[in-house]
Amino acid sequence: MIWASSPSWRTGSSSCAAARSSSMERQSACWRARRIRIRAICWLWRPYWASRCLSRCRPMNGASCRLRHIRRHKAGLAGGQRKRRLYMLVARHIQKQYIQRRWLGQPLITRAVNGVTLGLRPGETVGLVGESGSGKSTLARCMALLEPVSGGSLHWNGNDITRASFQEARELRRSIQLIFQDPVDALNPRLTVERILTEPLYHFGIGSAQERRDRARLAIERVGLTGGLLSRYPGELSRGQCQRVNIARALMAEPQILICDEIISALDVSTGAQIIRLLLDLQQKYGYGYLFISHDLARVMQVSRRIAVMCEGEVVEMRESAGFHLKAEHPYTRSLLAAVPKLPVPAANRLN
């Protein structure tokens, strides 16, 4: 084991190079050839200049061993940075109540969301599963600032946006876009695809008319469609094409968070798989953060990094997607896992 003072090789001096080698290094006779590489490894281990602490260097024989160590260290460093990424959109103890007033008696209060805490990071997919009526879509609309919350708080990059003004909420909606469940009903049948895509830019006052048309053509090609569809109406498109148009419209405002509210439930299996592949490609290329809402637990486990299970307006369990089916503890989560269809294994292919 070699100890080298960090300020010595920071300034380019030869103190680190002049350090005595260990007996193992004398036997391998490779100390001089590895001086520069050891300095690089010391640099990767982050010496603290201000405190003038010592940085530990580990002797390694062979170039392949050193390169493996550097790659492994960089991978671990990147993983640590992902873990330390701050939440972009955070919902803390969100409550949403609907009050139905009656002429006689007490008003009827329906608690759609009851104390839900959920956070979204950039470039991360969070899955939200639950049965119909559990409050998933209501939570999505609250996080997209489409409905006011009855309690709790919403935070965007550390700033409280719960009581944001109309103009502030309008600007925030550019960064938080919602993709709806029904791909056909979400589009105006009287407008062409080009008009549908340029409408968000028109309302936000972005660009000229020609610039909006150019951006609409780029957006439609980004989701895997051709520019010839811009002159068509939604009634002339398939459901899969309509959902791609919905995704392109959400991307026109250049958002950072996309809330996908059961966007594949109205599509067939193959088309839904293509939409999922498109979302993953867009996330890898542009770093979007997704809140993926679905009742299909198997599909959510496939695309999400974290999974939140919602039941009767509350998040009853939240875990990493890796090994989710093995670590589930709540009875409702286990019932969802038991409802996932499984193909029977033929007797000839079973392992005894």
Protein backbone atom coordinates (compact mmCIF):
# COMPACT_ATOMS: atom_id res chain seq x y z
CA MET A 1 0.00 0.00 0.00
CA ILE A 2 1.36 3.42 -1.02
CA TRP A 3 0.58 6.73 0.59
CA ALA A 4 1.05 9.88 -1.46
CA SER A 5 0.44 13.45 -0.29
CA SER A 6 -2.28 14.99 -2.46
CA PRO A 7 -0.76 18.51 -2.87
CA SER A 8 2.46 17.01 -4.21
CA TRP A 9 1.04 15.62 -7.41
CA ARG A 10 -1.57 18.37 -7.66
CA THR A 11 1.22 20.84 -8.41
CA GLY A 12 3.00 18.39 -10.68
CA SER A 13 5.92 17.68 -8.34
CA SER A 14 7.63 14.32 -8.22
CA SER A 15 6.98 13.50 -4.55
CA CYS A 16 4.33 10.92 -5.41
CA ALA A 17 6.58 9.42 -8.07
CA ALA A 18 9.47 9.28 -5.61
CA ALA A 19 7.47 7.36 -3.03
CA ARG A 20 8.95 4.07 -2.09
CA SER A 21 7.38 1.07 -3.71
CA SER A 22 6.25 -1.94 -1.75
CA SER A 23 7.87 -5.32 -1.87
CA MET A 24 5.23 -6.54 -4.26
CA GLU A 25 5.98 -3.69 -6.64
CA ARG A 26 9.71 -4.33 -6.45
CA GLN A 27 9.07 -7.91 -7.44
CA SER A 28 6.86 -6.93 -10.35
CA ALA A 29 9.35 -4.20 -11.41
CA CYS A 30 6.58 -2.03 -12.83
CA TRP A 31 6.63 0.99 -10.52
CA ARG A 32 7.98 3.46 -13.06
CA ALA A 33 5.60 2.37 -15.77
CA ARG A 34 2.64 2.83 -13.45
CA ARG A 35 3.44 6.20 -11.90
CA ILE A 36 1.15 8.20 -14.19
CA ARG A 37 -1.66 5.70 -13.89
CA ILE A 38 -1.42 5.65 -10.11
CA ARG A 39 -1.69 9.43 -10.09
CA ALA A 40 -4.84 9.13 -12.16
CA ILE A 41 -6.26 6.58 -9.74
CA CYS A 42 -5.42 8.89 -6.84
CA TRP A 43 -7.29 11.67 -8.61
CA LEU A 44 -10.34 9.45 -9.02
CA TRP A 45 -10.32 8.77 -5.30
CA ARG A 46 -10.96 12.49 -4.64
CA PRO A 47 -8.16 13.81 -2.39
CA TYR A 48 -9.14 16.75 -0.21
CA TRP A 49 -6.79 19.61 -1.04
CA ALA A 50 -7.84 22.02 1.71
CA SER A 51 -7.28 19.60 4.58
CA ARG A 52 -4.08 18.22 2.96
CA CYS A 53 -5.16 14.70 3.77
CA LEU A 54 -3.37 11.71 2.31
CA SER A 55 -4.83 9.86 -0.64
CA ARG A 56 -4.52 6.12 -0.73
CA CYS A 57 -3.31 4.45 -3.91
CA ARG A 58 -3.78 0.76 -4.46
CA PRO A 59 -1.09 -1.08 -6.46
CA MET A 60 -2.44 -3.01 -9.43
CA ASN A 61 -0.54 -5.25 -11.79
CA GLY A 62 -1.38 -5.06 -15.46
CA ALA A 63 -3.12 -2.45 -17.59
CA SER A 64 -6.36 -4.43 -17.80
CA CYS A 65 -6.67 -4.52 -14.00
CA ARG A 66 -6.15 -0.77 -13.76
CA LEU A 67 -8.67 -0.03 -16.50
CA ARG A 68 -11.26 -2.28 -14.89
CA HIS A 69 -10.78 -0.45 -11.60
CA ILE A 70 -11.19 2.97 -13.23
CA ARG A 71 -14.31 1.91 -15.11
CA ARG A 72 -15.80 0.32 -12.02
CA HIS A 73 -15.03 3.41 -9.96
CA LYS A 74 -16.56 5.72 -12.55
CA ALA A 75 -19.67 3.54 -12.74
CA GLY A 76 -20.04 3.62 -8.97
CA LEU A 77 -19.48 7.36 -8.97
CA ALA A 78 -22.20 7.85 -11.56
CA GLY A 79 -24.54 5.62 -9.60
CA GLY A 80 -23.93 7.68 -6.48
CA GLN A 81 -24.73 10.85 -8.41
CA ARG A 82 -28.02 9.34 -9.53
CA LYS A 83 -28.91 8.55 -5.96
CA ARG A 84 -28.05 12.09 -4.88
CA ARG A 85 -30.15 13.76 -7.57
CA LEU A 86 -32.66 16.15 -6.12
CA TYR A 87 -36.36 15.70 -6.63
CA MET A 88 -37.77 17.98 -9.30
CA LEU A 89 -41.47 17.63 -8.48
CA VAL A 90 -42.53 16.63 -4.96
CA ALA A 91 -46.02 16.12 -3.56
CA ARG A 92 -46.06 16.12 0.24
CA HIS A 93 -49.10 14.85 2.13
CA ILE A 94 -51.39 15.79 -0.74
CA GLN A 95 -55.11 15.73 0.00
CA LYS A 96 -57.94 16.23 -2.45
CA GLN A 97 -61.55 16.34 -1.30
CA TYR A 98 -64.74 16.85 -3.28
CA ILE A 99 -67.60 18.38 -1.31
CA GLN A 100 -71.16 17.79 -2.47
CA ARG A 101 -73.50 20.16 -0.72
CA ARG A 102 -77.10 19.19 -0.08
CA TRP A 103 -80.19 21.15 0.86
CA LEU A 104 -80.73 19.09 4.00
CA GLY A 105 -78.16 17.46 6.21
CA GLN A 106 -74.38 17.58 6.22
CA PRO A 107 -72.43 17.92 2.96
CA LEU A 108 -71.10 14.72 1.43
CA ILE A 109 -67.27 14.67 1.41
CA THR A 110 -65.38 12.36 -0.93
CA ARG A 111 -61.68 11.95 -0.20
CA ALA A 112 -60.09 11.07 -3.53
CA VAL A 113 -56.49 11.54 -2.32
CA ASN A 114 -55.58 11.28 1.35
CA GLY A 115 -52.06 12.24 2.45
CA VAL A 116 -49.98 11.04 -0.51
CA THR A 117 -46.26 11.83 -0.65
CA LEU A 118 -44.49 11.25 -3.96
CA GLY A 119 -41.37 12.64 -5.63
CA LEU A 120 -40.11 12.66 -9.23
CA ARG A 121 -36.50 13.01 -10.36
CA PRO A 122 -35.34 13.98 -13.85
CA GLY A 123 -34.63 10.98 -16.05
CA GLU A 124 -36.49 8.60 -13.70
CA THR A 125 -39.70 6.65 -14.17
CA VAL A 126 -41.98 6.22 -11.17
CA GLY A 127 -44.84 3.77 -11.54
CA LEU A 128 -48.20 4.33 -9.86
CA VAL A 129 -50.52 1.33 -9.77
CA GLY A 130 -53.90 0.70 -8.25
CA GLU A 131 -57.42 -0.34 -9.05
CA SER A 132 -59.98 1.92 -10.71
CA GLY A 133 -61.18 4.62 -8.34
CA SER A 134 -58.09 4.54 -6.13
CA GLY A 135 -57.27 8.20 -6.88
CA LYS A 136 -54.43 7.81 -9.39
CA SER A 137 -55.80 10.20 -12.02
CA THR A 138 -56.84 12.74 -9.39
CA LEU A 139 -53.32 12.74 -7.98
CA ALA A 140 -51.94 13.19 -11.50
CA ARG A 141 -54.16 16.21 -12.16
CA CYS A 142 -53.15 17.76 -8.85
CA MET A 143 -49.45 17.29 -9.59
CA ALA A 144 -49.98 18.78 -13.07
CA LEU A 145 -51.59 21.87 -11.46
CA LEU A 146 -54.88 21.20 -13.23
CA GLU A 147 -56.77 20.98 -9.94
CA PRO A 148 -56.16 22.76 -6.63
CA VAL A 149 -55.25 20.61 -3.66
CA SER A 150 -57.27 20.55 -0.45
CA GLY A 151 -54.25 19.95 1.77
CA GLY A 152 -50.53 19.30 1.68
CA SER A 153 -48.00 21.03 -0.54
CA LEU A 154 -46.43 20.81 -3.99
CA HIS A 155 -42.79 21.71 -4.58
CA TRP A 156 -40.98 22.37 -7.85
CA ASN A 157 -37.17 22.40 -7.59
CA GLY A 158 -37.45 23.19 -3.88
CA ASN A 159 -39.97 26.02 -4.29
CA ASP A 160 -43.48 25.78 -2.89
CA ILE A 161 -45.99 26.04 -5.75
CA THR A 162 -49.10 25.01 -3.83
CA ARG A 163 -50.58 28.50 -3.87
CA ALA A 164 -49.05 29.63 -7.15
CA SER A 165 -50.81 32.43 -8.98
CA PHE A 166 -52.54 31.88 -12.31
CA GLN A 167 -49.58 33.20 -14.30
CA GLU A 168 -47.06 31.19 -12.28
CA ALA A 169 -49.10 28.00 -12.67
CA ARG A 170 -49.38 28.69 -16.39
CA GLU A 171 -45.61 28.85 -16.73
CA LEU A 172 -45.14 25.72 -14.62
CA ARG A 173 -47.51 23.75 -16.84
CA ARG A 174 -44.99 24.07 -19.63
CA SER A 175 -42.62 21.91 -17.58
CA ILE A 176 -45.26 19.43 -16.40
CA GLN A 177 -47.30 17.91 -19.21
CA LEU A 178 -50.06 15.32 -18.97
CA ILE A 179 -50.79 12.58 -21.52
CA PHE A 180 -54.37 11.36 -21.23
CA GLN A 181 -55.82 7.88 -21.32
CA ASP A 182 -58.11 7.95 -24.36
CA PRO A 183 -56.02 8.91 -27.40
CA VAL A 184 -59.01 9.81 -29.60
CA ASP A 185 -61.08 11.85 -27.15
CA ALA A 186 -57.99 13.83 -26.12
CA LEU A 187 -57.75 15.35 -29.63
CA ASN A 188 -60.10 17.94 -31.12
CA PRO A 189 -61.73 16.25 -34.14
CA ARG A 190 -62.24 19.62 -35.89
CA LEU A 191 -58.53 20.49 -35.99
CA THR A 192 -55.79 19.07 -38.16
CA VAL A 193 -52.78 17.41 -36.58
CA GLU A 194 -50.65 20.45 -37.40
CA ARG A 195 -53.12 22.78 -35.69
CA ILE A 196 -53.29 20.47 -32.66
CA LEU A 197 -49.50 20.47 -32.29
CA THR A 198 -49.08 24.22 -32.75
CA GLU A 199 -51.89 25.11 -30.34
CA PRO A 200 -49.70 24.91 -27.17
CA LEU A 201 -47.11 27.19 -28.76
CA TYR A 202 -49.84 29.63 -29.74
CA HIS A 203 -51.23 29.82 -26.19
CA PHE A 204 -47.77 30.22 -24.66
CA GLY A 205 -46.76 32.79 -27.29
CA ILE A 206 -43.74 30.85 -28.54
CA GLY A 207 -42.31 31.58 -31.99
CA SER A 208 -43.83 32.82 -35.20
CA ALA A 209 -46.34 30.93 -37.34
CA GLN A 210 -43.62 29.44 -39.55
CA GLU A 211 -41.49 28.46 -36.57
CA ARG A 212 -44.48 26.70 -35.01
CA ARG A 213 -45.09 24.71 -38.18
CA ASP A 214 -41.43 23.73 -38.33
CA ARG A 215 -41.46 22.60 -34.72
CA ALA A 216 -44.65 20.63 -35.33
CA ARG A 217 -42.95 18.76 -38.18
CA LEU A 218 -39.94 17.98 -35.99
CA ALA A 219 -42.20 16.80 -33.14
CA ILE A 220 -44.25 14.49 -35.36
CA GLU A 221 -41.08 12.93 -36.72
CA ARG A 222 -39.66 12.57 -33.22
CA VAL A 223 -42.53 10.26 -32.24
CA GLY A 224 -42.12 8.05 -35.30
CA LEU A 225 -44.72 9.55 -37.67
CA THR A 226 -44.28 11.19 -41.07
CA GLY A 227 -44.85 14.83 -41.90
CA GLY A 228 -47.62 13.88 -44.32
CA LEU A 229 -49.96 13.28 -41.38
CA LEU A 230 -49.91 16.96 -40.38
CA SER A 231 -52.74 17.78 -42.80
CA ARG A 232 -54.98 14.96 -41.56
CA TYR A 233 -57.68 14.96 -38.91
CA PRO A 234 -57.74 12.69 -35.83
CA GLY A 235 -60.60 10.67 -37.32
CA GLU A 236 -58.29 9.57 -40.14
CA LEU A 237 -55.68 8.12 -37.77
CA SER A 238 -55.50 4.88 -35.84
CA ARG A 239 -55.58 4.85 -32.05
CA GLY A 240 -51.85 4.22 -31.90
CA GLN A 241 -51.17 7.16 -34.21
CA CYS A 242 -53.47 9.37 -32.14
CA GLN A 243 -51.53 8.48 -29.00
CA ARG A 244 -48.28 9.37 -30.73
CA VAL A 245 -49.83 12.72 -31.66
CA ASN A 246 -50.74 13.22 -27.99
CA ILE A 247 -47.14 12.53 -27.00
CA ALA A 248 -45.87 14.94 -29.67
CA ARG A 249 -48.26 17.64 -28.42
CA ALA A 250 -46.98 17.18 -24.86
CA LEU A 251 -43.39 17.54 -26.10
CA MET A 252 -44.10 20.79 -27.98
CA ALA A 253 -43.83 22.84 -24.78
CA GLU A 254 -40.41 21.28 -23.97
CA PRO A 255 -41.43 19.78 -20.60
CA GLN A 256 -39.24 18.15 -17.99
CA ILE A 257 -41.90 15.92 -16.41
CA LEU A 258 -44.44 13.82 -18.32
CA ILE A 259 -47.39 12.31 -16.46
CA CYS A 260 -48.65 9.30 -18.42
CA ASP A 261 -52.18 8.53 -17.23
CA GLU A 262 -52.85 4.95 -18.42
CA ILE A 263 -51.78 5.81 -21.94
CA ILE A 264 -51.65 2.19 -23.14
CA SER A 265 -54.85 0.85 -21.56
CA ALA A 266 -56.91 1.69 -24.68
CA LEU A 267 -54.36 0.18 -27.10
CA ASP A 268 -53.67 -3.37 -28.17
CA VAL A 269 -50.66 -5.21 -26.82
CA SER A 270 -48.30 -4.68 -29.75
CA THR A 271 -49.15 -0.98 -30.13
CA GLY A 272 -48.77 -0.46 -26.39
CA ALA A 273 -45.33 -2.06 -26.49
CA GLN A 274 -44.32 0.32 -29.28
CA ILE A 275 -45.51 3.32 -27.26
CA ILE A 276 -43.51 2.12 -24.25
CA ARG A 277 -40.42 1.72 -26.41
CA LEU A 278 -40.93 5.25 -27.76
CA LEU A 279 -41.17 6.70 -24.24
CA LEU A 280 -38.01 4.91 -23.12
CA ASP A 281 -36.11 6.15 -26.18
CA LEU A 282 -37.25 9.73 -25.56
CA GLN A 283 -36.25 9.47 -21.91
CA GLN A 284 -32.81 8.15 -22.78
CA LYS A 285 -32.26 10.90 -25.35
CA TYR A 286 -33.79 13.92 -23.60
CA GLY A 287 -33.87 12.95 -19.90
CA TYR A 288 -37.61 13.29 -19.27
CA GLY A 289 -39.02 12.24 -15.91
CA TYR A 290 -42.13 10.04 -16.07
CA LEU A 291 -44.97 9.33 -13.71
CA PHE A 292 -46.34 6.17 -15.31
CA ILE A 293 -49.87 5.43 -14.12
CA SER A 294 -51.40 2.07 -14.91
CA HIS A 295 -53.41 -0.79 -13.48
CA ASP A 296 -51.13 -3.29 -15.25
CA LEU A 297 -48.59 -4.13 -12.57
CA ALA A 298 -46.51 -6.32 -14.88
CA ARG A 299 -46.00 -3.46 -17.37
CA VAL A 300 -45.22 -1.00 -14.58
CA MET A 301 -42.56 -3.34 -13.19
CA GLN A 302 -41.04 -3.48 -16.66
CA VAL A 303 -40.62 0.27 -17.23
CA SER A 304 -40.35 1.84 -13.76
CA ARG A 305 -37.50 2.27 -11.34
CA ARG A 306 -39.74 2.85 -8.32
CA ILE A 307 -43.31 1.66 -7.85
CA ALA A 308 -45.99 3.18 -5.63
CA VAL A 309 -49.13 1.18 -4.89
CA MET A 310 -52.23 3.28 -4.30
CA CYS A 311 -55.40 2.06 -2.59
CA GLU A 312 -58.41 4.14 -1.52
CA GLY A 313 -56.57 7.42 -1.97
CA GLU A 314 -53.43 6.40 -0.06
CA VAL A 315 -50.03 5.04 -1.06
CA VAL A 316 -49.88 1.79 0.89
CA GLU A 317 -46.46 0.67 -0.34
CA MET A 318 -43.53 2.06 -2.32
CA ARG A 319 -40.46 0.08 -3.32
CA GLU A 320 -37.79 -0.27 -5.97
CA SER A 321 -38.97 -2.18 -9.02
CA ALA A 322 -36.07 -4.65 -8.78
CA GLY A 323 -37.41 -7.61 -6.87
CA PHE A 324 -40.73 -5.89 -6.24
CA HIS A 325 -42.67 -9.16 -6.50
CA LEU A 326 -40.43 -10.73 -3.86
CA LYS A 327 -40.42 -7.89 -1.32
CA ALA A 328 -44.09 -6.89 -1.33
CA GLU A 329 -45.54 -6.77 2.18
CA HIS A 330 -48.93 -5.08 2.03
CA PRO A 331 -51.89 -7.45 1.46
CA TYR A 332 -53.27 -5.22 -1.33
CA THR A 333 -49.95 -5.35 -3.17
CA ARG A 334 -49.90 -9.12 -2.86
CA SER A 335 -53.41 -9.30 -4.27
CA LEU A 336 -52.29 -7.24 -7.28
CA LEU A 337 -49.33 -9.55 -7.81
CA ALA A 338 -51.59 -12.58 -7.58
CA ALA A 339 -53.84 -11.07 -10.28
CA VAL A 340 -50.99 -10.86 -12.80
CA PRO A 341 -51.66 -13.59 -15.40
CA LYS A 342 -49.03 -16.28 -15.63
CA LEU A 343 -48.47 -18.73 -18.46
CA PRO A 344 -48.53 -22.38 -17.37
CA VAL A 345 -45.22 -24.16 -17.84
CA PRO A 346 -45.55 -27.44 -19.78
CA ALA A 347 -44.66 -30.51 -17.79
CA ALA A 348 -41.92 -31.41 -20.26
CA ASN A 349 -40.13 -28.08 -19.64
CA ARG A 350 -40.39 -28.06 -15.86
CA LEU A 351 -37.32 -28.50 -13.73
CA ASN A 352 -37.60 -31.07 -10.99
